[in-house]
Amino acid sequence: MAEQKISEIMETTMEKIKTMVDANTIIGDKIVVDDVTIIPISKLSFGFASGATDFAGKNNGSQVFAGGGGAGASINPVGFLVVKNGDVSMLPISHIETATSKVIDMLPETFQKIKGLFKKKDTETNVNTAE
């Protein structure tokens, strides 16, 4: 009996997720302006959990079922696909900064500073040896 009840909980939760999430949630309806087609793109994240147990009731010792389920979703716009003259490009809404991307962005500047330090040291060494 408990298996049937937890199955019902999971089924109901999954049905609710299906109503929230479909292809139109991720890839929006196209917008056509003259010869340009714009298609909104979103990122969808969702989670699902359920649990249940049977336990002995206090009054008559019969088995009591307790269970529940839940889901959550997060939709974040990512950008737009732009189709113009047969060319397709992605127009991002914002640049998402990660630690890795920050380090990569800093590399050229860091190399220039290190290179400058070595040039400065070489110049100082050449001045000392010339004396």
Protein backbone atom coordinates (compact mmCIF):
# COMPACT_ATOMS: atom_id res chain seq x y z
CA MET A 1 0.00 0.00 0.00
CA ALA A 2 2.83 2.41 0.83
CA GLU A 3 4.44 1.71 -2.56
CA GLN A 4 1.22 2.75 -4.28
CA LYS A 5 1.01 5.98 -2.25
CA ILE A 6 4.64 7.01 -2.91
CA SER A 7 4.09 6.19 -6.56
CA GLU A 8 1.08 8.54 -6.59
CA ILE A 9 3.13 11.29 -4.93
CA MET A 10 5.91 10.95 -7.51
CA GLU A 11 3.42 10.82 -10.39
CA THR A 12 1.65 13.98 -9.25
CA THR A 13 4.94 15.85 -8.78
CA MET A 14 6.22 14.79 -12.22
CA GLU A 15 2.95 15.91 -13.83
CA LYS A 16 3.35 19.33 -12.22
CA ILE A 17 6.92 19.55 -13.56
CA LYS A 18 5.67 18.67 -17.05
CA THR A 19 3.19 21.55 -16.94
CA MET A 20 5.98 23.97 -15.94
CA VAL A 21 8.60 22.76 -18.38
CA ASP A 22 8.27 22.40 -22.13
CA ALA A 23 10.38 23.23 -25.18
CA ASN A 24 8.90 26.75 -25.35
CA THR A 25 10.32 27.46 -21.89
CA ILE A 26 13.88 26.95 -23.14
CA ILE A 27 13.59 28.11 -26.74
CA GLY A 28 11.05 30.91 -27.00
CA ASP A 29 8.83 31.93 -29.88
CA LYS A 30 10.69 33.52 -32.75
CA ILE A 31 10.39 37.24 -33.37
CA VAL A 32 10.67 38.39 -36.99
CA VAL A 33 11.58 42.00 -37.80
CA ASP A 34 12.16 42.69 -41.50
CA ASP A 35 14.88 40.21 -42.55
CA VAL A 36 16.04 39.43 -38.99
CA THR A 37 14.75 36.53 -36.89
CA ILE A 38 15.36 36.62 -33.12
CA ILE A 39 14.89 33.52 -30.96
CA PRO A 40 15.10 33.87 -27.15
CA ILE A 41 17.09 31.14 -25.34
CA SER A 42 16.84 30.37 -21.61
CA LYS A 43 18.57 28.01 -19.19
CA LEU A 44 16.34 25.78 -17.12
CA SER A 45 17.36 24.08 -13.88
CA PHE A 46 15.06 21.99 -11.76
CA GLY A 47 15.14 19.58 -8.86
CA PHE A 48 12.82 16.92 -7.60
CA ALA A 49 12.55 15.10 -4.28
CA SER A 50 10.14 12.74 -2.59
CA GLY A 51 10.11 10.51 0.42
CA ALA A 52 7.79 8.39 2.49
CA THR A 53 7.65 5.99 5.38
CA ASP A 54 5.30 3.64 7.17
CA PHE A 55 5.27 3.62 10.93
CA ALA A 56 3.20 2.10 13.71
CA GLY A 57 0.34 4.31 14.89
CA LYS A 58 0.06 5.23 18.57
CA ASN A 59 -3.55 4.28 19.16
CA ASN A 60 -4.08 0.84 17.68
CA GLY A 61 -0.63 -0.09 16.37
CA SER A 62 -1.74 -0.10 12.73
CA GLN A 63 0.65 1.06 10.02
CA VAL A 64 0.44 4.76 9.17
CA PHE A 65 1.80 6.19 5.93
CA ALA A 66 3.50 9.60 5.77
CA GLY A 67 5.05 11.00 2.63
CA GLY A 68 5.58 14.02 0.50
CA GLY A 69 7.20 15.30 -2.64
CA GLY A 70 8.26 18.55 -4.16
CA ALA A 71 9.96 20.20 -7.08
CA GLY A 72 11.50 23.53 -7.89
CA ALA A 73 12.53 25.22 -11.10
CA SER A 74 14.72 28.16 -12.07
CA ILE A 75 14.58 29.81 -15.49
CA ASN A 76 17.33 32.24 -16.47
CA PRO A 77 17.49 34.03 -19.83
CA VAL A 78 20.78 33.31 -21.59
CA GLY A 79 20.59 35.25 -24.82
CA PHE A 80 19.16 35.40 -28.30
CA LEU A 81 19.86 33.50 -31.50
CA VAL A 82 19.92 36.09 -34.27
CA VAL A 83 19.41 34.93 -37.86
CA LYS A 84 20.17 37.55 -40.51
CA ASN A 85 20.97 36.96 -44.18
CA GLY A 86 21.47 33.25 -43.52
CA ASP A 87 24.05 33.89 -40.77
CA VAL A 88 23.30 32.71 -37.23
CA SER A 89 24.91 34.32 -34.19
CA MET A 90 24.39 34.15 -30.45
CA LEU A 91 23.81 37.43 -28.64
CA PRO A 92 24.38 36.75 -24.91
CA ILE A 93 22.40 38.73 -22.37
CA SER A 94 25.29 38.94 -19.91
CA HIS A 95 28.75 37.56 -19.45
CA ILE A 96 28.76 35.11 -16.55
CA GLU A 97 31.96 35.54 -14.56
CA THR A 98 33.53 32.42 -13.14
CA ALA A 99 36.82 32.07 -11.32
CA THR A 100 38.33 30.32 -14.33
CA SER A 101 37.20 32.99 -16.80
CA LYS A 102 38.58 35.72 -14.51
CA VAL A 103 41.99 33.99 -14.36
CA ILE A 104 42.05 33.53 -18.13
CA ASP A 105 41.13 37.21 -18.63
CA MET A 106 43.97 38.25 -16.31
CA LEU A 107 46.66 36.10 -17.98
CA PRO A 108 47.77 38.56 -20.71
CA GLU A 109 48.12 41.42 -18.19
CA THR A 110 49.99 39.15 -15.75
CA PHE A 111 52.42 37.98 -18.46
CA GLN A 112 53.09 41.60 -19.46
CA LYS A 113 53.90 42.50 -15.84
CA ILE A 114 56.24 39.51 -15.46
CA LYS A 115 57.88 40.30 -18.79
CA GLY A 116 58.33 43.91 -17.63
CA LEU A 117 60.02 42.73 -14.42
CA PHE A 118 62.53 40.64 -16.38
CA LYS A 119 63.28 43.52 -18.77
CA LYS A 120 63.81 45.83 -15.80
CA LYS A 121 66.16 43.29 -14.17
CA ASP A 122 68.08 42.83 -17.46
CA THR A 123 68.45 46.60 -17.82
CA GLU A 124 69.77 46.87 -14.26
CA THR A 125 72.21 43.99 -14.86
CA ASN A 126 73.49 45.56 -18.10
CA VAL A 127 74.01 48.92 -16.37
CA ASN A 128 75.98 47.23 -13.55
CA THR A 129 78.20 45.27 -15.95
CA ALA A 130 78.88 48.33 -18.09
CA GLU A 131 80.48 50.17 -15.16
